[in-house]
């Protein structure tokens, strides 16, 4: 990981702090288990995800709704599957 990528990850750690524990669980699980080995495209999707509101993330993570952005929708599906399989 380059110094720039390491700094980006450090910023993401703080951005994962949320008001909803359910949302934090998914965000931190991805960051801790998969972020370092993931593609740049997935890291970029994660950064975009961190810009979203907690209520949106909760709805998406619990599959009560889906994001309009197809890339985010696919990324969320993949993250939730990977987290479930890694337990």
N, C-alpha and C. Protein backbone atom coordinates (compact mmCIF):
# COMPACT_ATOMS: atom_id res chain seq x y z
N UNK A 1 0.85 -1.18 0.00
CA UNK A 1 0.00 0.00 0.00
C UNK A 1 0.90 1.24 0.00
N UNK A 2 0.60 2.16 -0.89
CA UNK A 2 1.39 3.40 -0.97
C UNK A 2 1.06 4.29 0.23
N UNK A 3 1.93 5.25 0.51
CA UNK A 3 1.64 6.18 1.61
C UNK A 3 0.31 6.93 1.41
N UNK A 4 -0.01 7.25 0.15
CA UNK A 4 -1.27 7.94 -0.13
C UNK A 4 -2.47 7.04 0.19
N UNK A 5 -2.35 5.76 -0.19
CA UNK A 5 -3.43 4.81 0.10
C UNK A 5 -3.58 4.59 1.60
N UNK A 6 -2.46 4.53 2.30
CA UNK A 6 -2.50 4.36 3.75
C UNK A 6 -3.17 5.57 4.41
N UNK A 7 -2.87 6.76 3.93
CA UNK A 7 -3.51 7.97 4.47
C UNK A 7 -5.01 7.96 4.18
N UNK A 8 -5.37 7.55 2.99
CA UNK A 8 -6.79 7.46 2.63
C UNK A 8 -7.51 6.49 3.55
N UNK A 9 -6.88 5.36 3.83
CA UNK A 9 -7.49 4.38 4.73
C UNK A 9 -7.64 4.96 6.13
N UNK A 10 -6.64 5.71 6.61
CA UNK A 10 -6.75 6.34 7.94
C UNK A 10 -7.94 7.29 8.00
N UNK A 11 -8.15 8.04 6.92
CA UNK A 11 -9.32 8.94 6.88
C UNK A 11 -10.62 8.13 6.91
N UNK A 12 -10.63 7.02 6.20
CA UNK A 12 -11.82 6.17 6.16
C UNK A 12 -12.16 5.61 7.54
N UNK A 13 -11.15 5.31 8.34
CA UNK A 13 -11.41 4.81 9.69
C UNK A 13 -12.28 5.80 10.45
N UNK A 14 -11.96 7.08 10.36
CA UNK A 14 -12.76 8.10 11.05
C UNK A 14 -14.13 8.27 10.40
N UNK A 15 -14.19 8.14 9.08
CA UNK A 15 -15.47 8.30 8.38
C UNK A 15 -16.42 7.14 8.68
N UNK A 16 -15.90 6.01 9.11
CA UNK A 16 -16.75 4.86 9.44
C UNK A 16 -17.50 5.05 10.76
N UNK A 17 -17.07 6.00 11.57
CA UNK A 17 -17.75 6.26 12.84
C UNK A 17 -19.12 6.87 12.54
N UNK A 18 -20.14 6.15 12.93
CA UNK A 18 -21.50 6.56 12.61
C UNK A 18 -22.39 6.51 13.85
N UNK A 19 -23.59 6.99 13.69
CA UNK A 19 -24.55 6.96 14.79
C UNK A 19 -25.29 5.65 14.90
N UNK A 20 -25.16 4.80 13.90
CA UNK A 20 -25.88 3.52 13.90
C UNK A 20 -24.85 2.39 13.93
N UNK A 21 -24.92 1.57 14.95
CA UNK A 21 -23.97 0.47 15.11
C UNK A 21 -24.06 -0.54 13.96
N UNK A 22 -25.26 -0.75 13.44
CA UNK A 22 -25.43 -1.69 12.33
C UNK A 22 -24.67 -1.23 11.10
N UNK A 23 -24.68 0.05 10.87
CA UNK A 23 -23.96 0.62 9.73
C UNK A 23 -22.45 0.54 9.98
N UNK A 24 -22.05 0.90 11.19
CA UNK A 24 -20.63 0.81 11.55
C UNK A 24 -20.10 -0.61 11.37
N UNK A 25 -20.89 -1.59 11.77
CA UNK A 25 -20.45 -2.98 11.67
C UNK A 25 -20.05 -3.32 10.24
N UNK A 26 -20.89 -2.99 9.28
CA UNK A 26 -20.61 -3.31 7.88
C UNK A 26 -19.41 -2.52 7.37
N UNK A 27 -19.37 -1.24 7.67
CA UNK A 27 -18.27 -0.40 7.18
C UNK A 27 -16.93 -0.85 7.74
N UNK A 28 -16.87 -1.06 9.04
CA UNK A 28 -15.61 -1.49 9.66
C UNK A 28 -15.22 -2.90 9.21
N UNK A 29 -16.19 -3.77 9.05
CA UNK A 29 -15.89 -5.14 8.61
C UNK A 29 -15.21 -5.10 7.24
N UNK A 30 -15.76 -4.33 6.33
CA UNK A 30 -15.12 -4.21 5.00
C UNK A 30 -13.73 -3.62 5.14
N UNK A 31 -13.62 -2.52 5.86
CA UNK A 31 -12.34 -1.83 5.96
C UNK A 31 -11.27 -2.72 6.58
N UNK A 32 -11.61 -3.45 7.60
CA UNK A 32 -10.62 -4.28 8.30
C UNK A 32 -10.30 -5.58 7.58
N UNK A 33 -11.29 -6.18 6.92
CA UNK A 33 -11.08 -7.51 6.33
C UNK A 33 -10.70 -7.49 4.86
N UNK A 34 -11.17 -6.51 4.10
CA UNK A 34 -11.05 -6.59 2.64
C UNK A 34 -10.38 -5.40 1.96
N UNK A 35 -10.40 -4.26 2.59
CA UNK A 35 -9.95 -3.02 1.95
C UNK A 35 -8.54 -3.13 1.38
N UNK A 36 -7.59 -3.62 2.18
CA UNK A 36 -6.19 -3.63 1.76
C UNK A 36 -5.95 -4.44 0.49
N UNK A 37 -6.69 -5.50 0.31
CA UNK A 37 -6.48 -6.38 -0.84
C UNK A 37 -7.42 -6.09 -2.00
N UNK A 38 -8.33 -5.17 -1.82
CA UNK A 38 -9.34 -4.93 -2.84
C UNK A 38 -8.83 -4.04 -3.97
N UNK A 39 -9.58 -4.03 -5.05
CA UNK A 39 -9.21 -3.24 -6.23
C UNK A 39 -9.41 -1.75 -5.97
N UNK A 40 -8.76 -0.95 -6.78
CA UNK A 40 -8.92 0.50 -6.69
C UNK A 40 -10.37 0.89 -6.94
N UNK A 41 -11.03 0.21 -7.87
CA UNK A 41 -12.44 0.51 -8.16
C UNK A 41 -13.31 0.27 -6.92
N UNK A 42 -13.05 -0.83 -6.21
CA UNK A 42 -13.83 -1.11 -5.00
C UNK A 42 -13.51 -0.11 -3.89
N UNK A 43 -12.26 0.27 -3.78
CA UNK A 43 -11.89 1.28 -2.78
C UNK A 43 -12.59 2.61 -3.08
N UNK A 44 -12.69 2.94 -4.36
CA UNK A 44 -13.38 4.16 -4.75
C UNK A 44 -14.88 4.08 -4.44
N UNK A 45 -15.48 2.92 -4.66
CA UNK A 45 -16.89 2.72 -4.31
C UNK A 45 -17.08 2.87 -2.80
N UNK A 46 -16.15 2.32 -2.04
CA UNK A 46 -16.24 2.44 -0.59
C UNK A 46 -16.17 3.91 -0.16
N UNK A 47 -15.28 4.67 -0.77
CA UNK A 47 -15.18 6.10 -0.47
C UNK A 47 -16.50 6.82 -0.79
N UNK A 48 -17.12 6.46 -1.89
CA UNK A 48 -18.42 7.05 -2.25
C UNK A 48 -19.50 6.64 -1.26
N UNK A 49 -19.43 5.41 -0.80
CA UNK A 49 -20.38 4.91 0.18
C UNK A 49 -20.29 5.71 1.47
N UNK A 50 -19.08 6.06 1.86
CA UNK A 50 -18.87 6.81 3.09
C UNK A 50 -19.46 8.22 3.03
N UNK A 51 -19.75 8.71 1.85
CA UNK A 51 -20.36 10.02 1.69
C UNK A 51 -21.87 9.99 1.90
N UNK A 52 -22.45 8.81 1.97
CA UNK A 52 -23.90 8.66 2.10
C UNK A 52 -24.35 8.79 3.56
N UNK A 53 -25.62 9.10 3.71
CA UNK A 53 -26.21 9.26 5.04
C UNK A 53 -26.43 7.90 5.71
N UNK A 54 -26.38 7.91 7.04
CA UNK A 54 -26.58 6.68 7.81
C UNK A 54 -27.91 6.00 7.48
N UNK A 55 -28.95 6.79 7.35
CA UNK A 55 -30.27 6.19 7.09
C UNK A 55 -30.30 5.48 5.74
N UNK A 56 -29.64 6.07 4.74
CA UNK A 56 -29.55 5.40 3.44
C UNK A 56 -28.76 4.10 3.56
N UNK A 57 -27.61 4.17 4.21
CA UNK A 57 -26.77 2.99 4.37
C UNK A 57 -27.52 1.88 5.10
N UNK A 58 -28.22 2.23 6.16
CA UNK A 58 -28.99 1.23 6.91
C UNK A 58 -30.02 0.56 6.01
N UNK A 59 -30.74 1.34 5.24
CA UNK A 59 -31.75 0.79 4.33
C UNK A 59 -31.11 -0.13 3.30
N UNK A 60 -29.98 0.26 2.77
CA UNK A 60 -29.30 -0.54 1.76
C UNK A 60 -28.71 -1.81 2.35
N UNK A 61 -28.09 -1.69 3.54
CA UNK A 61 -27.45 -2.85 4.16
C UNK A 61 -28.47 -3.88 4.63
N UNK A 62 -29.67 -3.42 4.95
CA UNK A 62 -30.73 -4.35 5.38
C UNK A 62 -31.64 -4.74 4.21
N UNK A 63 -31.33 -4.26 3.04
CA UNK A 63 -32.04 -4.56 1.79
C UNK A 63 -33.50 -4.11 1.81
N UNK A 64 -33.76 -3.06 2.57
CA UNK A 64 -35.11 -2.46 2.55
C UNK A 64 -35.26 -1.58 1.32
N UNK A 65 -34.13 -1.11 0.80
CA UNK A 65 -34.12 -0.37 -0.45
C UNK A 65 -32.75 -0.59 -1.10
N UNK A 66 -32.62 -0.06 -2.30
CA UNK A 66 -31.36 -0.23 -3.05
C UNK A 66 -30.95 1.13 -3.59
N UNK A 67 -29.65 1.36 -3.67
CA UNK A 67 -29.20 2.64 -4.25
C UNK A 67 -29.52 2.70 -5.74
N UNK A 68 -29.76 3.89 -6.22
CA UNK A 68 -30.00 4.07 -7.65
C UNK A 68 -28.74 3.84 -8.46
N UNK A 69 -27.60 4.11 -7.87
CA UNK A 69 -26.30 3.93 -8.52
C UNK A 69 -26.01 2.44 -8.62
N UNK A 70 -25.94 1.92 -9.84
CA UNK A 70 -25.74 0.49 -10.06
C UNK A 70 -24.40 0.00 -9.51
N UNK A 71 -23.36 0.83 -9.61
CA UNK A 71 -22.05 0.44 -9.07
C UNK A 71 -22.10 0.27 -7.56
N UNK A 72 -22.74 1.22 -6.88
CA UNK A 72 -22.87 1.10 -5.43
C UNK A 72 -23.72 -0.10 -5.05
N UNK A 73 -24.78 -0.33 -5.79
CA UNK A 73 -25.66 -1.48 -5.51
C UNK A 73 -24.88 -2.79 -5.63
N UNK A 74 -24.12 -2.93 -6.69
CA UNK A 74 -23.31 -4.13 -6.89
C UNK A 74 -22.25 -4.27 -5.79
N UNK A 75 -21.61 -3.16 -5.45
CA UNK A 75 -20.58 -3.16 -4.41
C UNK A 75 -21.18 -3.59 -3.06
N UNK A 76 -22.33 -3.06 -2.72
CA UNK A 76 -22.98 -3.42 -1.46
C UNK A 76 -23.31 -4.91 -1.44
N UNK A 77 -23.87 -5.42 -2.53
CA UNK A 77 -24.15 -6.86 -2.61
C UNK A 77 -22.90 -7.67 -2.34
N UNK A 78 -21.82 -7.29 -3.00
CA UNK A 78 -20.57 -8.03 -2.86
C UNK A 78 -20.02 -7.95 -1.43
N UNK A 79 -20.05 -6.76 -0.86
CA UNK A 79 -19.54 -6.58 0.51
C UNK A 79 -20.35 -7.40 1.50
N UNK A 80 -21.66 -7.33 1.42
CA UNK A 80 -22.50 -8.08 2.35
C UNK A 80 -22.27 -9.58 2.22
N UNK A 81 -22.11 -10.05 1.01
CA UNK A 81 -21.83 -11.48 0.78
C UNK A 81 -20.48 -11.86 1.36
N UNK A 82 -19.47 -11.05 1.11
CA UNK A 82 -18.13 -11.35 1.61
C UNK A 82 -18.09 -11.33 3.14
N UNK A 83 -18.77 -10.40 3.75
CA UNK A 83 -18.80 -10.34 5.21
C UNK A 83 -19.49 -11.57 5.77
N UNK A 84 -20.62 -11.96 5.19
CA UNK A 84 -21.35 -13.13 5.65
C UNK A 84 -20.51 -14.40 5.51
N UNK A 85 -19.77 -14.52 4.43
CA UNK A 85 -18.96 -15.71 4.19
C UNK A 85 -17.71 -15.76 5.07
N UNK A 86 -17.29 -14.63 5.58
CA UNK A 86 -16.04 -14.60 6.36
C UNK A 86 -16.27 -14.77 7.86
N UNK A 87 -17.50 -14.94 8.27
CA UNK A 87 -17.80 -15.07 9.71
C UNK A 87 -17.41 -16.39 10.23
